[in-house]
């Protein structure tokens, strides 16, 4: 536990330090109450991340691993696919971040309709991901096909006059792969790949988050084709007072309920499978039970702290910096992006799993650097889009073109890790801190009417740029390896024949 607290302290400290230092400059002016609430929330954030990561190690990852391996060993394809579809649907429906997204557009789309549509999208693509592992199909080919389909849907949405749906649809892909689903789905993939993945177990262990991020985008775009009219958006009350007192109690109870439902569904699935096919010993079940308690407590503390302390500060930071020179907010957007991703709870789970699966070939340090740079660039580009007011497709089309193009030049495992990282990096801290930051900046620079088209889409950008930076990391590793091999070969060829001993 102390180790986890130390790791989360290192992750959260840069964000807190930057904001407190900014408050000492003329660029922003936070009230004493805002600073106090923010600091207290940061302390709880550290505790929440530590508990969550400990719970993920003890429960979420082993549960997903056991379910994936246990279902695969039954050799019943229909059972495996049915359970995966239902888990994808039900866990996504209970994801707290998806509920937040649904409330933003409830005046245009019924919230229940949106949530179910996104859940079905995740369920279908989780099923497709499992089929990919079973039949050992390359992830890059599937991604190219589905992203071509995705941009075809985007053309239909534009022709229907609902351009604002694009940013919302791409944001939904990042929001739905939240802290509850990520550790479980990733471990599920590892368990299935270990049994059915063939020779490329490492490569087949990744890619489930990448595929599950596509489903929600297609689902929301399909709804966008059927909806006519503009999407109204009213800026919520981001003042600190709106999150304290009675509102704080309501928020805590809502988070307790949402996290309880989501984890309850996973535990129910696990319990049923334990009775009928897993048959794990009592010692492992006891360890998993403790891990579930840690995960539950950590997520409740984390999500409450983010909402109470980080959301108001994020919005006011965007408003205050937008009043200055556009260059200033662009620079700070890059810095914020680099440090915020460090505090995303599921990122730690991803980095640990990547290092374990690749036997240290891809280290946690290199992954974190690639993610930090990628997210920093994404927030910076998002602010530039707000300043100049242009369509998000000007970023997404060339961005995904480059990301998918790189998949032809790097090993498949790097492509799978990169596309998984996009969904993981765009977690609850992004939607609860960076999105309000973008909303605040957009309100000052473009007005409230442009928020849906310009501020929304920042989560989509966070999900896209790691696809490029991590594959560049893979490309660099391949080029370095080839360079070393060429140098070694030249040394052999240039050496004297007398030094070569023939044992035949």
Protein backbone atom coordinates (compact mmCIF):
# COMPACT_ATOMS: atom_id res chain seq x y z
CA UNK A 1 0.00 0.00 0.00
CA UNK A 2 2.84 2.38 0.88
CA UNK A 3 4.45 1.64 -2.49
CA UNK A 4 1.18 2.44 -4.28
CA UNK A 5 0.78 5.70 -2.33
CA UNK A 6 4.33 6.71 -3.27
CA UNK A 7 3.63 5.98 -6.97
CA UNK A 8 0.36 7.94 -6.95
CA UNK A 9 2.01 10.84 -5.09
CA UNK A 10 4.66 11.06 -7.81
CA UNK A 11 1.89 10.95 -10.45
CA UNK A 12 -0.35 13.64 -8.94
CA UNK A 13 2.30 16.01 -7.59
CA UNK A 14 3.25 17.62 -10.98
CA UNK A 15 -0.37 18.65 -11.68
CA UNK A 16 -0.81 20.14 -8.21
CA UNK A 17 2.57 21.91 -8.30
CA UNK A 18 1.92 23.54 -11.68
CA UNK A 19 -1.51 24.83 -10.67
CA UNK A 20 -0.28 26.20 -7.33
CA UNK A 21 2.66 27.90 -9.01
CA UNK A 22 0.34 29.38 -11.64
CA UNK A 23 -1.75 30.85 -8.83
CA UNK A 24 1.31 32.85 -7.73
CA UNK A 25 1.47 34.55 -11.16
CA UNK A 26 -0.79 37.26 -12.63
CA UNK A 27 -2.06 34.73 -15.21
CA UNK A 28 -4.71 33.20 -12.92
CA UNK A 29 -6.45 34.20 -9.72
CA UNK A 30 -7.91 31.33 -7.71
CA UNK A 31 -9.74 32.16 -4.49
CA UNK A 32 -8.48 30.80 -1.18
CA UNK A 33 -11.50 28.51 -0.98
CA UNK A 34 -10.81 27.09 -4.47
CA UNK A 35 -7.16 26.42 -3.61
CA UNK A 36 -8.05 24.76 -0.29
CA UNK A 37 -10.68 22.48 -1.87
CA UNK A 38 -8.27 21.64 -4.69
CA UNK A 39 -5.42 20.68 -2.33
CA UNK A 40 -7.70 18.55 -0.13
CA UNK A 41 -9.11 16.87 -3.25
CA UNK A 42 -5.55 16.19 -4.47
CA UNK A 43 -4.75 14.38 -1.20
CA UNK A 44 -7.84 12.20 -1.61
CA UNK A 45 -6.94 11.71 -5.27
CA UNK A 46 -3.58 10.25 -4.26
CA UNK A 47 -5.28 7.88 -1.83
CA UNK A 48 -7.92 6.92 -4.41
CA UNK A 49 -5.37 6.10 -7.12
CA UNK A 50 -3.27 4.06 -4.65
CA UNK A 51 -6.28 2.00 -3.52
CA UNK A 52 -7.46 1.52 -7.11
CA UNK A 53 -4.07 0.32 -8.35
CA UNK A 54 -3.74 -2.05 -5.39
CA UNK A 55 -7.25 -3.37 -6.09
CA UNK A 56 -6.47 -3.78 -9.78
CA UNK A 57 -3.43 -5.91 -8.91
CA UNK A 58 -5.32 -8.05 -6.39
CA UNK A 59 -8.73 -8.38 -8.05
CA UNK A 60 -9.54 -6.75 -11.38
CA UNK A 61 -6.59 -8.13 -13.34
CA UNK A 62 -6.75 -11.67 -11.87
CA UNK A 63 -10.54 -11.81 -12.37
CA UNK A 64 -10.30 -10.86 -16.02
CA UNK A 65 -7.38 -13.24 -16.53
CA UNK A 66 -9.20 -16.17 -14.87
CA UNK A 67 -12.45 -15.52 -16.75
CA UNK A 68 -10.65 -15.27 -20.11
CA UNK A 69 -8.58 -18.41 -19.52
CA UNK A 70 -11.43 -20.35 -17.90
CA UNK A 71 -13.93 -19.68 -20.68
CA UNK A 72 -11.32 -20.45 -23.34
CA UNK A 73 -10.52 -23.83 -21.78
CA UNK A 74 -14.17 -24.89 -22.00
CA UNK A 75 -13.72 -24.94 -25.82
CA UNK A 76 -17.31 -23.64 -26.13
CA UNK A 77 -17.09 -20.77 -28.58
CA UNK A 78 -20.75 -19.78 -28.23
CA UNK A 79 -20.42 -19.51 -24.43
CA UNK A 80 -17.22 -17.47 -24.68
CA UNK A 81 -18.70 -15.02 -27.22
CA UNK A 82 -22.02 -14.68 -25.38
CA UNK A 83 -20.38 -13.90 -22.05
CA UNK A 84 -17.98 -11.39 -23.67
CA UNK A 85 -20.84 -9.57 -25.41
CA UNK A 86 -22.92 -9.38 -22.23
CA UNK A 87 -19.94 -8.22 -20.15
CA UNK A 88 -19.08 -5.53 -22.70
CA UNK A 89 -22.68 -4.31 -22.76
CA UNK A 90 -23.44 -4.35 -19.03
CA UNK A 91 -20.10 -3.04 -17.76
CA UNK A 92 -20.19 -0.16 -20.26
CA UNK A 93 -23.77 0.73 -19.34
CA UNK A 94 -22.62 1.05 -15.72
CA UNK A 95 -19.46 3.09 -16.55
CA UNK A 96 -19.74 6.42 -14.60
CA UNK A 97 -18.07 8.50 -17.35
CA UNK A 98 -20.71 7.41 -19.87
CA UNK A 99 -23.48 8.70 -17.60
CA UNK A 100 -21.76 12.10 -17.53
CA UNK A 101 -21.59 12.13 -21.33
CA UNK A 102 -25.29 11.23 -21.64
CA UNK A 103 -26.37 14.13 -19.44
CA UNK A 104 -24.58 16.59 -21.76
CA UNK A 105 -26.87 15.77 -24.70
CA UNK A 106 -30.06 14.68 -22.93
CA UNK A 107 -32.05 17.48 -24.62
CA UNK A 108 -31.37 15.96 -28.06
CA UNK A 109 -30.90 12.23 -27.41
CA UNK A 110 -32.61 10.27 -24.67
CA UNK A 111 -29.91 9.40 -22.14
CA UNK A 112 -30.98 5.77 -21.83
CA UNK A 113 -30.98 5.36 -25.62
CA UNK A 114 -27.46 6.75 -25.87
CA UNK A 115 -26.12 4.59 -23.03
CA UNK A 116 -27.63 1.38 -24.41
CA UNK A 117 -26.44 2.15 -27.96
CA UNK A 118 -22.88 2.72 -26.73
CA UNK A 119 -23.04 -0.41 -24.56
CA UNK A 120 -24.15 -2.51 -27.53
CA UNK A 121 -21.30 -1.03 -29.57
CA UNK A 122 -18.74 -2.02 -26.94
CA UNK A 123 -20.29 -5.50 -26.58
CA UNK A 124 -20.17 -6.17 -30.32
CA UNK A 125 -16.58 -5.00 -30.67
CA UNK A 126 -15.44 -6.94 -27.62
CA UNK A 127 -16.93 -10.00 -29.32
CA UNK A 128 -15.09 -9.12 -32.56
CA UNK A 129 -11.86 -8.70 -30.56
CA UNK A 130 -12.20 -12.19 -29.11
CA UNK A 131 -12.79 -13.60 -32.60
CA UNK A 132 -9.63 -11.79 -33.73
CA UNK A 133 -7.64 -13.64 -31.05
CA UNK A 134 -9.24 -17.02 -31.82
CA UNK A 135 -8.70 -16.79 -35.58
CA UNK A 136 -5.37 -14.92 -35.15
CA UNK A 137 -6.18 -12.03 -37.46
CA UNK A 138 -3.88 -8.98 -37.51
CA UNK A 139 -5.20 -6.03 -35.54
CA UNK A 140 -3.99 -3.47 -38.10
CA UNK A 141 -6.18 -4.91 -40.87
CA UNK A 142 -9.28 -4.78 -38.68
CA UNK A 143 -8.52 -1.24 -37.52
CA UNK A 144 -8.06 -0.01 -41.10
CA UNK A 145 -11.39 -1.54 -42.13
CA UNK A 146 -13.37 -0.18 -39.18
CA UNK A 147 -11.85 3.30 -39.31
CA UNK A 148 -12.70 3.49 -43.02
CA UNK A 149 -16.26 2.56 -42.03
CA UNK A 150 -16.12 5.12 -39.24
CA UNK A 151 -15.14 8.00 -41.54
CA UNK A 152 -17.84 6.91 -44.01
CA UNK A 153 -20.35 7.34 -41.17
CA UNK A 154 -18.77 10.73 -40.46
CA UNK A 155 -19.56 11.80 -44.02
CA UNK A 156 -23.21 10.79 -43.49
CA UNK A 157 -23.38 12.79 -40.25
CA UNK A 158 -21.96 15.87 -42.00
CA UNK A 159 -24.38 15.52 -44.92
CA UNK A 160 -27.21 15.39 -42.37
CA UNK A 161 -26.09 18.74 -41.00
CA UNK A 162 -25.01 17.49 -37.56
CA UNK A 163 -21.32 18.37 -37.61
CA UNK A 164 -21.33 18.84 -33.82
CA UNK A 165 -22.06 15.12 -33.45
CA UNK A 166 -18.57 14.31 -34.72
CA UNK A 167 -16.73 15.64 -31.68
CA UNK A 168 -19.28 14.03 -29.37
CA UNK A 169 -19.01 10.67 -31.16
CA UNK A 170 -15.20 10.57 -31.06
CA UNK A 171 -15.23 11.65 -27.40
CA UNK A 172 -17.51 8.73 -26.56
CA UNK A 173 -14.82 6.29 -27.71
CA UNK A 174 -12.43 7.52 -25.03
CA UNK A 175 -14.98 8.03 -22.27
CA UNK A 176 -16.45 4.52 -22.33
CA UNK A 177 -13.11 2.77 -21.76
CA UNK A 178 -12.88 4.05 -18.20
CA UNK A 179 -11.06 2.89 -15.05
CA UNK A 180 -13.57 0.13 -14.31
CA UNK A 181 -13.51 -1.51 -17.73
CA UNK A 182 -9.85 -1.08 -18.71
CA UNK A 183 -8.09 -3.41 -16.19
CA UNK A 184 -10.78 -6.05 -16.54
CA UNK A 185 -10.97 -6.07 -20.36
CA UNK A 186 -7.18 -5.98 -20.74
CA UNK A 187 -6.78 -8.93 -18.37
CA UNK A 188 -9.60 -10.75 -20.16
CA UNK A 189 -7.61 -10.43 -23.39
CA UNK A 190 -4.46 -11.74 -21.69
CA UNK A 191 -6.35 -14.78 -20.36
CA UNK A 192 -7.92 -15.63 -23.73
CA UNK A 193 -4.66 -15.04 -25.63
CA UNK A 194 -2.70 -17.27 -23.23
CA UNK A 195 -5.02 -20.17 -24.10
CA UNK A 196 -6.01 -19.48 -27.71
CA UNK A 197 -3.53 -16.86 -28.93
CA UNK A 198 -1.09 -19.22 -30.63
CA UNK A 199 2.53 -18.16 -31.09
CA UNK A 200 1.85 -14.40 -30.88
CA UNK A 201 0.51 -14.38 -27.33
CA UNK A 202 2.08 -10.99 -26.56
CA UNK A 203 0.57 -9.27 -29.58
CA UNK A 204 -2.83 -10.93 -29.15
CA UNK A 205 -2.98 -9.89 -25.49
CA UNK A 206 -3.48 -6.28 -26.56
CA UNK A 207 -5.99 -4.64 -28.87
CA UNK A 208 -9.25 -5.22 -26.99
CA UNK A 209 -9.41 -1.65 -25.66
CA UNK A 210 -8.57 -0.36 -29.15
CA UNK A 211 -11.46 -2.27 -30.72
CA UNK A 212 -13.88 -1.41 -27.90
CA UNK A 213 -13.14 2.29 -28.48
CA UNK A 214 -14.41 2.04 -32.08
CA UNK A 215 -17.83 0.64 -31.17
CA UNK A 216 -19.10 3.69 -29.21
CA UNK A 217 -17.98 6.08 -31.97
CA UNK A 218 -19.94 4.16 -34.60
CA UNK A 219 -22.95 3.88 -32.26
CA UNK A 220 -23.12 7.63 -31.56
CA UNK A 221 -22.57 8.44 -35.24
CA UNK A 222 -25.45 6.12 -36.14
CA UNK A 223 -27.63 8.08 -33.71
CA UNK A 224 -26.33 11.31 -35.23
CA UNK A 225 -27.57 10.29 -38.66
CA UNK A 226 -31.10 9.95 -37.27
CA UNK A 227 -31.14 13.18 -35.25
CA UNK A 228 -32.12 16.49 -36.82
CA UNK A 229 -31.41 19.89 -35.35
CA UNK A 230 -28.70 21.52 -33.28
CA UNK A 231 -27.28 20.18 -30.00
CA UNK A 232 -28.01 22.66 -27.22
CA UNK A 233 -25.39 23.06 -24.53
CA UNK A 234 -25.65 25.06 -21.34
CA UNK A 235 -22.52 25.51 -19.26
CA UNK A 236 -23.08 23.89 -15.85
CA UNK A 237 -22.28 25.67 -12.62
CA UNK A 238 -18.55 25.06 -12.20
CA UNK A 239 -18.19 27.09 -9.00
CA UNK A 240 -16.73 25.33 -5.98
CA UNK A 241 -19.91 26.03 -4.00
CA UNK A 242 -21.87 23.93 -6.51
CA UNK A 243 -19.88 20.87 -5.41
CA UNK A 244 -19.91 21.43 -1.66
CA UNK A 245 -22.51 21.07 1.07
CA UNK A 246 -25.61 19.16 0.07
CA UNK A 247 -24.34 18.80 -3.51
CA UNK A 248 -21.26 16.98 -2.21
CA UNK A 249 -23.40 14.40 -0.41
CA UNK A 250 -25.47 13.84 -3.56
CA UNK A 251 -22.28 13.44 -5.59
CA UNK A 252 -20.80 10.92 -3.17
CA UNK A 253 -23.98 8.85 -3.11
CA UNK A 254 -24.20 8.95 -6.94
CA UNK A 255 -20.59 7.77 -7.26
CA UNK A 256 -21.11 5.04 -4.64
CA UNK A 257 -24.14 3.82 -6.58
CA UNK A 258 -22.54 3.97 -10.05
CA UNK A 259 -19.29 2.28 -9.02
CA UNK A 260 -21.23 -0.30 -7.01
CA UNK A 261 -23.38 -1.23 -10.01
CA UNK A 262 -20.39 -1.50 -12.35
CA UNK A 263 -18.28 -3.60 -9.99
CA UNK A 264 -21.36 -5.59 -8.95
CA UNK A 265 -21.92 -6.72 -12.52
CA UNK A 266 -18.32 -7.88 -12.87
CA UNK A 267 -18.42 -9.68 -9.52
CA UNK A 268 -21.72 -11.36 -10.44
CA UNK A 269 -20.28 -12.64 -13.71
CA UNK A 270 -17.20 -13.88 -11.91
CA UNK A 271 -19.25 -15.60 -9.18
CA UNK A 272 -21.41 -17.46 -11.71
CA UNK A 273 -18.36 -18.61 -13.68
CA UNK A 274 -16.56 -19.57 -10.45
CA UNK A 275 -19.43 -21.89 -9.52
CA UNK A 276 -19.77 -23.54 -12.93
CA UNK A 277 -16.30 -23.63 -14.49
CA UNK A 278 -13.46 -21.76 -12.75
CA UNK A 279 -13.39 -23.57 -9.35
CA UNK A 280 -10.62 -21.35 -7.90
CA UNK A 281 -9.28 -22.20 -4.42
CA UNK A 282 -10.50 -20.28 -1.38
CA UNK A 283 -7.14 -18.53 -0.88
CA UNK A 284 -7.37 -16.88 -4.30
CA UNK A 285 -11.01 -15.91 -3.76
CA UNK A 286 -10.12 -14.27 -0.44
CA UNK A 287 -7.36 -12.26 -2.12
CA UNK A 288 -9.74 -11.20 -4.92
CA UNK A 289 -12.39 -10.19 -2.37
CA UNK A 290 -9.96 -7.85 -0.61
CA UNK A 291 -8.95 -6.45 -4.01
CA UNK A 292 -12.59 -5.70 -4.90
CA UNK A 293 -13.00 -3.73 -1.67
CA UNK A 294 -9.82 -1.74 -2.42
CA UNK A 295 -10.95 -1.08 -6.01
CA UNK A 296 -14.39 0.06 -4.89
CA UNK A 297 -13.07 2.41 -2.19
CA UNK A 298 -10.36 3.78 -4.50
CA UNK A 299 -12.73 4.57 -7.35
CA UNK A 300 -15.30 6.24 -5.08
CA UNK A 301 -12.61 8.43 -3.51
CA UNK A 302 -10.95 9.18 -6.89
CA UNK A 303 -14.11 10.09 -8.81
CA UNK A 304 -15.49 12.23 -5.97
CA UNK A 305 -12.19 14.10 -5.55
CA UNK A 306 -11.91 14.77 -9.28
CA UNK A 307 -15.47 16.13 -9.47
CA UNK A 308 -15.25 18.29 -6.35
CA UNK A 309 -11.75 19.71 -6.63
CA UNK A 310 -10.49 19.34 -10.18
CA UNK A 311 -13.55 20.15 -12.29
CA UNK A 312 -14.07 23.73 -10.95
CA UNK A 313 -10.33 24.47 -11.08
CA UNK A 314 -10.09 23.10 -14.63
CA UNK A 315 -12.90 25.34 -15.88
CA UNK A 316 -11.58 28.48 -14.16
CA UNK A 317 -8.05 27.76 -15.39
CA UNK A 318 -9.35 27.66 -18.97
CA UNK A 319 -11.27 30.91 -18.50
CA UNK A 320 -8.36 32.76 -16.87
CA UNK A 321 -5.66 31.63 -19.33
CA UNK A 322 -7.90 32.34 -22.35
CA UNK A 323 -8.04 36.02 -21.32
CA UNK A 324 -4.28 36.29 -21.92
CA UNK A 325 -2.23 35.94 -25.09
CA UNK A 326 -3.29 32.83 -27.09
CA UNK A 327 0.34 31.65 -27.04
CA UNK A 328 0.25 31.42 -23.24
CA UNK A 329 -2.77 29.13 -23.07
CA UNK A 330 -1.31 26.98 -25.89
CA UNK A 331 1.97 26.48 -24.01
CA UNK A 332 0.25 25.68 -20.73
CA UNK A 333 -2.13 23.31 -22.52
CA UNK A 334 0.88 21.27 -23.65
CA UNK A 335 2.38 21.24 -20.14
CA UNK A 336 -0.95 20.27 -18.55
CA UNK A 337 -1.42 17.43 -21.00
CA UNK A 338 2.02 16.04 -20.20
CA UNK A 339 1.40 15.91 -16.45
CA UNK A 340 -2.33 15.08 -16.30
CA UNK A 341 -1.87 11.70 -17.99
CA UNK A 342 0.49 10.71 -15.15
CA UNK A 343 -2.46 10.79 -12.76
CA UNK A 344 -4.84 8.68 -14.86
CA UNK A 345 -5.35 5.53 -12.74
CA UNK A 346 -5.70 3.05 -15.61
CA UNK A 347 -2.44 4.28 -17.22
CA UNK A 348 -0.43 2.70 -14.39
CA UNK A 349 -2.25 -0.60 -14.97
CA UNK A 350 -1.53 -0.45 -18.72
CA UNK A 351 2.16 0.37 -18.29
CA UNK A 352 2.69 -2.46 -15.80
CA UNK A 353 0.93 -4.96 -18.05
CA UNK A 354 2.88 -3.82 -21.12
CA UNK A 355 6.20 -4.26 -19.30
CA UNK A 356 5.16 -7.71 -18.03
CA UNK A 357 3.85 -9.01 -21.38
CA UNK A 358 6.85 -7.74 -23.37
CA UNK A 359 9.39 -8.96 -20.75
CA UNK A 360 10.72 -5.44 -20.34
CA UNK A 361 11.16 -4.80 -24.08
CA UNK A 362 8.75 -1.87 -23.67
CA UNK A 363 9.50 -0.32 -20.27
CA UNK A 364 7.08 1.62 -18.08
CA UNK A 365 9.34 4.67 -18.36
CA UNK A 366 9.36 4.72 -22.18
CA UNK A 367 5.59 4.15 -22.26
CA UNK A 368 4.99 7.04 -19.87
CA UNK A 369 7.22 9.40 -21.85
CA UNK A 370 5.44 8.51 -25.11
CA UNK A 371 2.02 8.93 -23.48
CA UNK A 372 2.95 12.24 -21.83
CA UNK A 373 4.28 13.74 -25.04
CA UNK A 374 1.28 12.46 -27.00
CA UNK A 375 -1.32 13.82 -24.58
CA UNK A 376 0.55 17.12 -24.27
CA UNK A 377 0.46 17.54 -28.05
CA UNK A 378 -3.24 16.61 -28.15
CA UNK A 379 -4.31 19.24 -25.58
CA UNK A 380 -2.14 21.85 -27.34
CA UNK A 381 -3.73 21.06 -30.72
CA UNK A 382 -7.20 21.15 -29.15
CA UNK A 383 -6.59 24.67 -27.84
CA UNK A 384 -5.35 25.76 -31.27
CA UNK A 385 -8.62 24.40 -32.74
CA UNK A 386 -10.61 26.42 -30.20
CA UNK A 387 -8.66 29.58 -31.07
CA UNK A 388 -9.14 29.25 -34.83
CA UNK A 389 -12.55 27.50 -34.78
CA UNK A 390 -12.25 24.66 -37.33
CA UNK A 391 -13.65 21.14 -37.70
CA UNK A 392 -12.06 18.33 -35.68
CA UNK A 393 -11.81 16.18 -38.83
CA UNK A 394 -8.88 18.36 -39.95
CA UNK A 395 -6.98 16.65 -37.13
CA UNK A 396 -8.60 13.23 -36.99
CA UNK A 397 -8.38 12.23 -40.67
CA UNK A 398 -4.63 12.91 -41.14
CA UNK A 399 -3.94 11.74 -37.56
CA UNK A 400 -5.54 8.33 -38.02
CA UNK A 401 -4.07 8.10 -41.52
CA UNK A 402 -0.57 8.46 -40.02
CA UNK A 403 -1.39 6.11 -37.11
CA UNK A 404 -2.74 3.38 -39.39
CA UNK A 405 0.10 3.94 -41.87
CA UNK A 406 2.70 3.41 -39.14
CA UNK A 407 1.13 0.01 -38.43
CA UNK A 408 2.74 -1.27 -41.68
CA UNK A 409 6.25 -0.41 -40.43
CA UNK A 410 6.25 -1.50 -36.77
CA UNK A 411 5.68 -4.90 -35.14
CA UNK A 412 2.05 -5.73 -34.45
CA UNK A 413 2.55 -5.61 -30.68
CA UNK A 414 3.45 -1.90 -30.83
CA UNK A 415 0.34 -1.16 -32.89
CA UNK A 416 -1.84 -3.08 -30.41
CA UNK A 417 -0.26 -1.33 -27.40
CA UNK A 418 -0.57 2.09 -29.07
CA UNK A 419 -4.26 1.76 -29.92
CA UNK A 420 -4.99 0.43 -26.42
CA UNK A 421 -3.13 3.39 -24.93
CA UNK A 422 -5.41 5.86 -26.68
CA UNK A 423 -8.47 4.53 -24.87
CA UNK A 424 -6.65 4.29 -21.55
CA UNK A 425 -5.13 7.81 -21.62
CA UNK A 426 -8.54 9.44 -22.14
CA UNK A 427 -9.77 8.52 -18.67
CA UNK A 428 -11.87 10.23 -15.97
CA UNK A 429 -9.29 12.91 -15.19
CA UNK A 430 -9.33 13.97 -18.84
CA UNK A 431 -13.14 14.22 -18.95
CA UNK A 432 -13.40 15.86 -15.51
CA UNK A 433 -10.43 18.26 -15.67
CA UNK A 434 -9.24 18.76 -19.24
CA UNK A 435 -12.73 18.94 -20.78
CA UNK A 436 -13.88 21.69 -18.33
CA UNK A 437 -10.58 23.45 -19.09
CA UNK A 438 -11.45 23.36 -22.81
CA UNK A 439 -15.02 24.47 -22.10
CA UNK A 440 -13.77 27.47 -20.12
CA UNK A 441 -11.29 28.47 -22.82
CA UNK A 442 -13.91 28.08 -25.56
CA UNK A 443 -16.46 30.15 -23.62
CA UNK A 444 -14.03 33.09 -23.53
CA UNK A 445 -12.59 32.72 -27.05
CA UNK A 446 -15.62 31.62 -29.11
CA UNK A 447 -18.73 31.89 -26.94
CA UNK A 448 -21.16 29.34 -25.50
CA UNK A 449 -22.67 28.47 -28.89
CA UNK A 450 -19.36 26.98 -30.09
CA UNK A 451 -18.66 24.74 -27.08
CA UNK A 452 -20.20 21.57 -28.54
CA UNK A 453 -18.24 21.87 -31.80
CA UNK A 454 -14.94 23.29 -30.50
CA UNK A 455 -14.46 22.29 -26.82
CA UNK A 456 -15.85 18.80 -27.23
CA UNK A 457 -13.41 16.62 -29.12
CA UNK A 458 -10.55 17.15 -26.69
CA UNK A 459 -11.06 13.61 -25.31
CA UNK A 460 -10.91 12.30 -28.89
CA UNK A 461 -7.61 14.09 -29.42
CA UNK A 462 -6.19 12.61 -26.21
CA UNK A 463 -7.21 9.17 -27.51
CA UNK A 464 -5.57 9.73 -30.92
CA UNK A 465 -2.09 11.16 -30.39
CA UNK A 466 -0.67 8.23 -28.31
CA UNK A 467 -1.40 6.01 -31.31
CA UNK A 468 1.28 7.93 -33.19
CA UNK A 469 3.83 8.57 -30.43
CA UNK A 470 3.94 4.96 -29.16
CA UNK A 471 4.24 3.55 -32.69
CA UNK A 472 7.09 6.01 -33.32
CA UNK A 473 8.64 4.53 -30.15
CA UNK A 474 8.31 1.10 -31.77
CA UNK A 475 9.72 2.35 -35.07
CA UNK A 476 12.72 3.80 -33.23
CA UNK A 477 13.28 0.47 -31.44
CA UNK A 478 13.22 -1.43 -34.75
CA UNK A 479 15.62 1.00 -36.46
CA UNK A 480 18.00 0.87 -33.49
CA UNK A 481 17.97 -2.93 -33.56
CA UNK A 482 18.70 -3.01 -37.32
CA UNK A 483 21.50 -0.48 -36.89
CA UNK A 484 23.15 -2.63 -34.20
CA UNK A 485 22.78 -5.73 -36.38
CA UNK A 486 24.39 -3.95 -39.36
CA UNK A 487 27.29 -2.77 -37.20
CA UNK A 488 27.80 -6.31 -35.86
CA UNK A 489 27.69 -7.78 -39.38
CA UNK A 490 30.25 -5.26 -40.66
CA UNK A 491 32.60 -6.19 -37.81
CA UNK A 492 32.31 -9.88 -38.74
CA UNK A 493 32.89 -9.23 -42.46
CA UNK A 494 35.84 -6.92 -41.83
CA UNK A 495 37.61 -9.32 -39.46
CA UNK A 496 40.58 -11.48 -40.58
CA UNK A 497 39.84 -14.97 -41.89
CA UNK A 498 42.38 -16.37 -39.44
CA UNK A 499 40.13 -15.36 -36.55
CA UNK A 500 37.27 -17.49 -37.88
CA UNK A 501 37.45 -21.04 -36.56
CA UNK A 502 35.85 -23.81 -38.62
CA UNK A 503 34.57 -26.59 -36.34
CA UNK A 504 33.30 -28.83 -39.18
